[in-house]
Amino acid sequence: MVLRNFIEIEDGQHARLHLTDHDFVDKEIRDPLTMKPKIVTALYFQVDRLDGVPVSATWSIIQEKLAAMLEPWLKDHAYRDVEFIVTRRGLGFTSAWTVEPSARSSR
């Protein structure tokens, strides 16, 4: 198992993630427009597979559009039955994301 604290997906890259649990956590960030601190609610996922490799990591999402793409999967932890291919385009708060559910690869 690869020990990794956080999953970070770079611009133009994709990752295949298997999610095992989630939580909502209030987090303080610096607003990129006002440069003042503010509290946002982040969606945190526990990840046990990254690109087919066992890991123990967290994936933190603060972008509302990305969180909304995963929201339908939260009920009854439906995300546990699939893997997601997540692709990032752009940097920072202007990043565009695609999220594609996929059948789970062998465990």
N, C-alpha and C. Protein backbone atom coordinates (compact mmCIF):
# COMPACT_ATOMS: atom_id res chain seq x y z
N MET A 1 0.85 -1.18 0.00
CA MET A 1 0.00 0.00 0.00
C MET A 1 0.89 1.24 0.00
N VAL A 2 0.55 2.18 -0.85
CA VAL A 2 1.28 3.43 -0.92
C VAL A 2 0.69 4.38 0.12
N LEU A 3 1.53 4.94 0.97
CA LEU A 3 1.06 5.90 1.96
C LEU A 3 1.19 7.30 1.38
N ARG A 4 0.09 7.97 1.32
CA ARG A 4 0.03 9.32 0.76
C ARG A 4 -1.00 10.09 1.56
N ASN A 5 -0.72 11.31 1.91
CA ASN A 5 -1.68 12.06 2.71
C ASN A 5 -2.86 12.57 1.89
N PHE A 6 -2.57 13.30 0.81
CA PHE A 6 -3.61 13.92 0.02
C PHE A 6 -3.44 13.62 -1.46
N ILE A 7 -4.56 13.50 -2.15
CA ILE A 7 -4.56 13.32 -3.59
C ILE A 7 -4.56 14.71 -4.23
N GLU A 8 -3.66 14.94 -5.16
CA GLU A 8 -3.62 16.19 -5.91
C GLU A 8 -3.56 15.85 -7.39
N ILE A 9 -4.50 16.39 -8.15
CA ILE A 9 -4.56 16.13 -9.58
C ILE A 9 -4.08 17.39 -10.30
N GLU A 10 -3.05 17.24 -11.10
CA GLU A 10 -2.43 18.38 -11.78
C GLU A 10 -3.22 18.75 -13.04
N ASP A 11 -3.01 19.97 -13.53
CA ASP A 11 -3.64 20.46 -14.75
C ASP A 11 -3.34 19.52 -15.92
N GLY A 12 -4.38 19.12 -16.64
CA GLY A 12 -4.22 18.26 -17.80
C GLY A 12 -4.06 16.78 -17.47
N GLN A 13 -4.09 16.43 -16.20
CA GLN A 13 -3.92 15.05 -15.77
C GLN A 13 -5.26 14.46 -15.34
N HIS A 14 -5.28 13.15 -15.27
CA HIS A 14 -6.46 12.47 -14.73
C HIS A 14 -5.99 11.45 -13.70
N ALA A 15 -6.93 11.06 -12.85
CA ALA A 15 -6.66 10.04 -11.84
C ALA A 15 -7.88 9.13 -11.75
N ARG A 16 -7.63 7.87 -11.52
CA ARG A 16 -8.70 6.89 -11.32
C ARG A 16 -8.76 6.63 -9.81
N LEU A 17 -9.88 7.00 -9.19
CA LEU A 17 -10.01 6.96 -7.74
C LEU A 17 -11.11 5.99 -7.30
N HIS A 18 -10.83 5.23 -6.25
CA HIS A 18 -11.90 4.49 -5.57
C HIS A 18 -12.07 5.12 -4.20
N LEU A 19 -13.29 5.56 -3.92
CA LEU A 19 -13.62 6.30 -2.71
C LEU A 19 -14.31 5.37 -1.72
N THR A 20 -13.95 5.49 -0.43
CA THR A 20 -14.50 4.58 0.57
C THR A 20 -15.38 5.26 1.61
N ASP A 21 -15.18 6.54 1.84
CA ASP A 21 -15.98 7.26 2.84
C ASP A 21 -15.89 8.75 2.55
N HIS A 22 -16.82 9.51 3.12
CA HIS A 22 -16.79 10.96 2.91
C HIS A 22 -17.23 11.69 4.17
N ASP A 23 -16.92 12.97 4.21
CA ASP A 23 -17.33 13.84 5.32
C ASP A 23 -17.30 15.27 4.81
N PHE A 24 -18.05 16.13 5.48
CA PHE A 24 -18.02 17.56 5.19
C PHE A 24 -17.27 18.24 6.32
N VAL A 25 -16.29 19.08 5.96
CA VAL A 25 -15.42 19.72 6.95
C VAL A 25 -15.35 21.21 6.65
N ASP A 26 -15.59 22.03 7.68
CA ASP A 26 -15.39 23.47 7.51
C ASP A 26 -13.90 23.77 7.49
N LYS A 27 -13.50 24.59 6.53
CA LYS A 27 -12.08 24.84 6.30
C LYS A 27 -11.90 26.33 6.03
N GLU A 28 -10.86 26.92 6.61
CA GLU A 28 -10.58 28.33 6.35
C GLU A 28 -9.64 28.46 5.16
N ILE A 29 -10.04 29.29 4.19
CA ILE A 29 -9.20 29.55 3.02
C ILE A 29 -9.08 31.07 2.84
N ARG A 30 -8.18 31.48 1.99
CA ARG A 30 -8.07 32.89 1.63
C ARG A 30 -8.81 33.08 0.31
N ASP A 31 -9.83 33.93 0.33
CA ASP A 31 -10.61 34.20 -0.87
C ASP A 31 -9.70 34.81 -1.93
N PRO A 32 -9.66 34.21 -3.14
CA PRO A 32 -8.73 34.70 -4.15
C PRO A 32 -9.09 36.09 -4.70
N LEU A 33 -10.33 36.52 -4.53
CA LEU A 33 -10.74 37.85 -5.02
C LEU A 33 -10.52 38.94 -3.97
N THR A 34 -10.96 38.66 -2.73
CA THR A 34 -10.86 39.68 -1.68
C THR A 34 -9.57 39.58 -0.89
N MET A 35 -8.90 38.43 -1.01
CA MET A 35 -7.68 38.14 -0.26
C MET A 35 -7.92 38.09 1.25
N LYS A 36 -9.18 37.94 1.65
CA LYS A 36 -9.51 37.82 3.07
C LYS A 36 -9.84 36.37 3.39
N PRO A 37 -9.58 35.96 4.64
CA PRO A 37 -9.93 34.59 5.01
C PRO A 37 -11.44 34.40 5.06
N LYS A 38 -11.88 33.20 4.70
CA LYS A 38 -13.29 32.87 4.83
C LYS A 38 -13.42 31.38 5.07
N ILE A 39 -14.54 30.97 5.62
CA ILE A 39 -14.81 29.57 5.92
C ILE A 39 -15.63 28.98 4.77
N VAL A 40 -15.17 27.85 4.25
CA VAL A 40 -15.91 27.11 3.24
C VAL A 40 -16.11 25.69 3.75
N THR A 41 -17.11 25.02 3.22
CA THR A 41 -17.33 23.63 3.57
C THR A 41 -16.72 22.77 2.48
N ALA A 42 -15.75 21.97 2.86
CA ALA A 42 -15.05 21.09 1.93
C ALA A 42 -15.65 19.69 2.02
N LEU A 43 -15.67 19.01 0.88
CA LEU A 43 -16.08 17.61 0.82
C LEU A 43 -14.80 16.78 0.82
N TYR A 44 -14.64 15.96 1.85
CA TYR A 44 -13.45 15.11 1.98
C TYR A 44 -13.83 13.67 1.68
N PHE A 45 -13.01 13.02 0.87
CA PHE A 45 -13.18 11.59 0.59
C PHE A 45 -11.95 10.84 1.06
N GLN A 46 -12.18 9.66 1.61
CA GLN A 46 -11.10 8.72 1.86
C GLN A 46 -10.93 7.90 0.59
N VAL A 47 -9.69 7.71 0.16
CA VAL A 47 -9.36 7.02 -1.08
C VAL A 47 -8.53 5.79 -0.74
N ASP A 48 -8.94 4.62 -1.27
CA ASP A 48 -8.15 3.41 -1.00
C ASP A 48 -7.46 2.86 -2.25
N ARG A 49 -7.78 3.42 -3.44
CA ARG A 49 -7.08 3.04 -4.67
C ARG A 49 -6.90 4.27 -5.54
N LEU A 50 -5.69 4.46 -6.04
CA LEU A 50 -5.35 5.55 -6.94
C LEU A 50 -4.67 4.94 -8.16
N ASP A 51 -5.32 5.06 -9.31
CA ASP A 51 -4.80 4.49 -10.55
C ASP A 51 -4.46 3.01 -10.40
N GLY A 52 -5.34 2.30 -9.67
CA GLY A 52 -5.18 0.86 -9.51
C GLY A 52 -4.23 0.42 -8.41
N VAL A 53 -3.60 1.37 -7.73
CA VAL A 53 -2.64 1.05 -6.68
C VAL A 53 -3.27 1.32 -5.31
N PRO A 54 -3.16 0.37 -4.37
CA PRO A 54 -3.70 0.62 -3.02
C PRO A 54 -3.01 1.82 -2.36
N VAL A 55 -3.82 2.72 -1.79
CA VAL A 55 -3.30 3.88 -1.07
C VAL A 55 -4.15 4.10 0.18
N SER A 56 -3.67 4.94 1.03
CA SER A 56 -4.44 5.44 2.17
C SER A 56 -4.31 6.95 2.10
N ALA A 57 -5.32 7.62 1.54
CA ALA A 57 -5.19 9.05 1.26
C ALA A 57 -6.54 9.75 1.37
N THR A 58 -6.48 11.07 1.38
CA THR A 58 -7.66 11.91 1.44
C THR A 58 -7.70 12.79 0.19
N TRP A 59 -8.89 12.96 -0.35
CA TRP A 59 -9.12 13.87 -1.48
C TRP A 59 -10.08 14.94 -1.00
N SER A 60 -9.62 16.18 -0.99
CA SER A 60 -10.39 17.31 -0.47
C SER A 60 -10.90 18.15 -1.64
N ILE A 61 -12.20 18.46 -1.63
CA ILE A 61 -12.82 19.23 -2.69
C ILE A 61 -13.46 20.48 -2.09
N ILE A 62 -13.03 21.66 -2.57
CA ILE A 62 -13.70 22.89 -2.14
C ILE A 62 -14.44 23.57 -3.28
N GLN A 63 -14.17 23.15 -4.52
CA GLN A 63 -14.86 23.76 -5.65
C GLN A 63 -16.28 23.20 -5.74
N GLU A 64 -17.26 24.10 -5.69
CA GLU A 64 -18.67 23.69 -5.65
C GLU A 64 -19.09 22.90 -6.88
N LYS A 65 -18.60 23.27 -8.06
CA LYS A 65 -18.98 22.54 -9.28
C LYS A 65 -18.50 21.09 -9.24
N LEU A 66 -17.30 20.89 -8.76
CA LEU A 66 -16.78 19.52 -8.66
C LEU A 66 -17.55 18.74 -7.61
N ALA A 67 -17.81 19.34 -6.46
CA ALA A 67 -18.57 18.66 -5.41
C ALA A 67 -19.97 18.30 -5.92
N ALA A 68 -20.58 19.18 -6.72
CA ALA A 68 -21.92 18.91 -7.26
C ALA A 68 -21.91 17.70 -8.19
N MET A 69 -20.81 17.48 -8.91
CA MET A 69 -20.72 16.32 -9.81
C MET A 69 -20.72 15.01 -9.03
N LEU A 70 -20.22 15.04 -7.80
CA LEU A 70 -20.14 13.83 -6.98
C LEU A 70 -21.31 13.68 -6.02
N GLU A 71 -22.08 14.75 -5.83
CA GLU A 71 -23.18 14.76 -4.86
C GLU A 71 -24.18 13.62 -5.07
N PRO A 72 -24.57 13.29 -6.31
CA PRO A 72 -25.53 12.19 -6.47
C PRO A 72 -25.02 10.84 -5.96
N TRP A 73 -23.73 10.70 -5.82
CA TRP A 73 -23.13 9.44 -5.38
C TRP A 73 -23.01 9.34 -3.86
N LEU A 74 -23.30 10.43 -3.13
CA LEU A 74 -23.12 10.43 -1.68
C LEU A 74 -24.16 9.58 -0.96
N LYS A 75 -25.39 9.60 -1.47
CA LYS A 75 -26.46 8.85 -0.80
C LYS A 75 -26.11 7.37 -0.72
N ASP A 76 -26.19 6.84 0.47
CA ASP A 76 -25.90 5.44 0.74
C ASP A 76 -24.49 5.03 0.30
N HIS A 77 -23.59 6.01 0.20
CA HIS A 77 -22.20 5.74 -0.19
C HIS A 77 -22.12 4.97 -1.51
N ALA A 78 -22.96 5.36 -2.47
CA ALA A 78 -23.01 4.67 -3.77
C ALA A 78 -21.66 4.70 -4.49
N TYR A 79 -20.82 5.67 -4.16
CA TYR A 79 -19.50 5.78 -4.79
C TYR A 79 -18.61 4.58 -4.51
N ARG A 80 -18.93 3.81 -3.49
CA ARG A 80 -18.11 2.64 -3.16
C ARG A 80 -18.18 1.55 -4.23
N ASP A 81 -19.24 1.58 -5.05
CA ASP A 81 -19.45 0.53 -6.05
C ASP A 81 -18.77 0.82 -7.38
N VAL A 82 -18.17 2.00 -7.53
CA VAL A 82 -17.53 2.38 -8.79
C VAL A 82 -16.18 3.04 -8.52
N GLU A 83 -15.45 3.27 -9.59
CA GLU A 83 -14.26 4.12 -9.53
C GLU A 83 -14.57 5.34 -10.38
N PHE A 84 -13.89 6.42 -10.12
CA PHE A 84 -14.10 7.65 -10.87
C PHE A 84 -12.82 8.03 -11.59
N ILE A 85 -12.97 8.36 -12.87
CA ILE A 85 -11.85 8.93 -13.62
C ILE A 85 -12.07 10.44 -13.59
N VAL A 86 -11.20 11.13 -12.89
CA VAL A 86 -11.33 12.56 -12.66
C VAL A 86 -10.23 13.27 -13.43
N THR A 87 -10.62 14.25 -14.26
CA THR A 87 -9.66 14.99 -15.07
C THR A 87 -9.77 16.47 -14.73
N ARG A 88 -8.62 17.11 -14.62
CA ARG A 88 -8.56 18.54 -14.30
C ARG A 88 -8.01 19.32 -15.49
N ARG A 89 -8.66 20.44 -15.79
CA ARG A 89 -8.19 21.37 -16.83
C ARG A 89 -8.15 22.76 -16.20
N GLY A 90 -6.98 23.35 -16.16
CA GLY A 90 -6.83 24.68 -15.58
C GLY A 90 -6.27 24.62 -14.18
N LEU A 91 -6.06 25.82 -13.61
CA LEU A 91 -5.44 25.93 -12.29
C LEU A 91 -6.33 26.69 -11.32
N GLY A 92 -6.15 26.41 -10.07
CA GLY A 92 -6.83 27.16 -9.01
C GLY A 92 -8.34 27.04 -9.07
N PHE A 93 -9.00 28.12 -8.65
CA PHE A 93 -10.46 28.10 -8.54
C PHE A 93 -11.14 28.13 -9.90
N THR A 94 -10.40 28.36 -10.97
CA THR A 94 -10.99 28.37 -12.30
C THR A 94 -10.86 27.02 -13.01
N SER A 95 -10.35 26.02 -12.31
CA SER A 95 -10.21 24.70 -12.91
C SER A 95 -11.55 24.16 -13.38
N ALA A 96 -11.53 23.49 -14.52
CA ALA A 96 -12.69 22.75 -15.01
C ALA A 96 -12.41 21.27 -14.78
N TRP A 97 -13.42 20.53 -14.39
CA TRP A 97 -13.25 19.12 -14.04
C TRP A 97 -14.22 18.26 -14.85
N THR A 98 -13.81 17.05 -15.16
CA THR A 98 -14.74 16.04 -15.64
C THR A 98 -14.64 14.85 -14.68
N VAL A 99 -15.78 14.25 -14.44
CA VAL A 99 -15.87 13.10 -13.53
C VAL A 99 -16.65 12.02 -14.25
N GLU A 100 -16.00 10.90 -14.49
CA GLU A 100 -16.63 9.78 -15.20
C GLU A 100 -16.64 8.54 -14.30
N PRO A 101 -17.83 8.08 -13.91
CA PRO A 101 -17.87 6.82 -13.15
C PRO A 101 -17.50 5.67 -14.08
N SER A 102 -16.86 4.67 -13.51
CA SER A 102 -16.39 3.53 -14.28
C SER A 102 -16.51 2.28 -13.41
N ALA A 103 -16.70 1.15 -14.06
CA ALA A 103 -16.76 -0.11 -13.30
C ALA A 103 -15.46 -0.28 -12.54
N ARG A 104 -15.55 -0.84 -11.37
CA ARG A 104 -14.36 -1.07 -10.55
C ARG A 104 -13.44 -2.08 -11.19
N SER A 105 -12.14 -1.77 -11.15
CA SER A 105 -11.15 -2.75 -11.60
C SER A 105 -11.00 -3.79 -10.51
N SER A 106 -10.28 -4.85 -10.80
CA SER A 106 -10.11 -5.91 -9.80
C SER A 106 -9.49 -5.35 -8.54
N ARG A 107 -9.95 -5.87 -7.43
CA ARG A 107 -9.54 -5.35 -6.12
C ARG A 107 -8.25 -5.92 -5.73
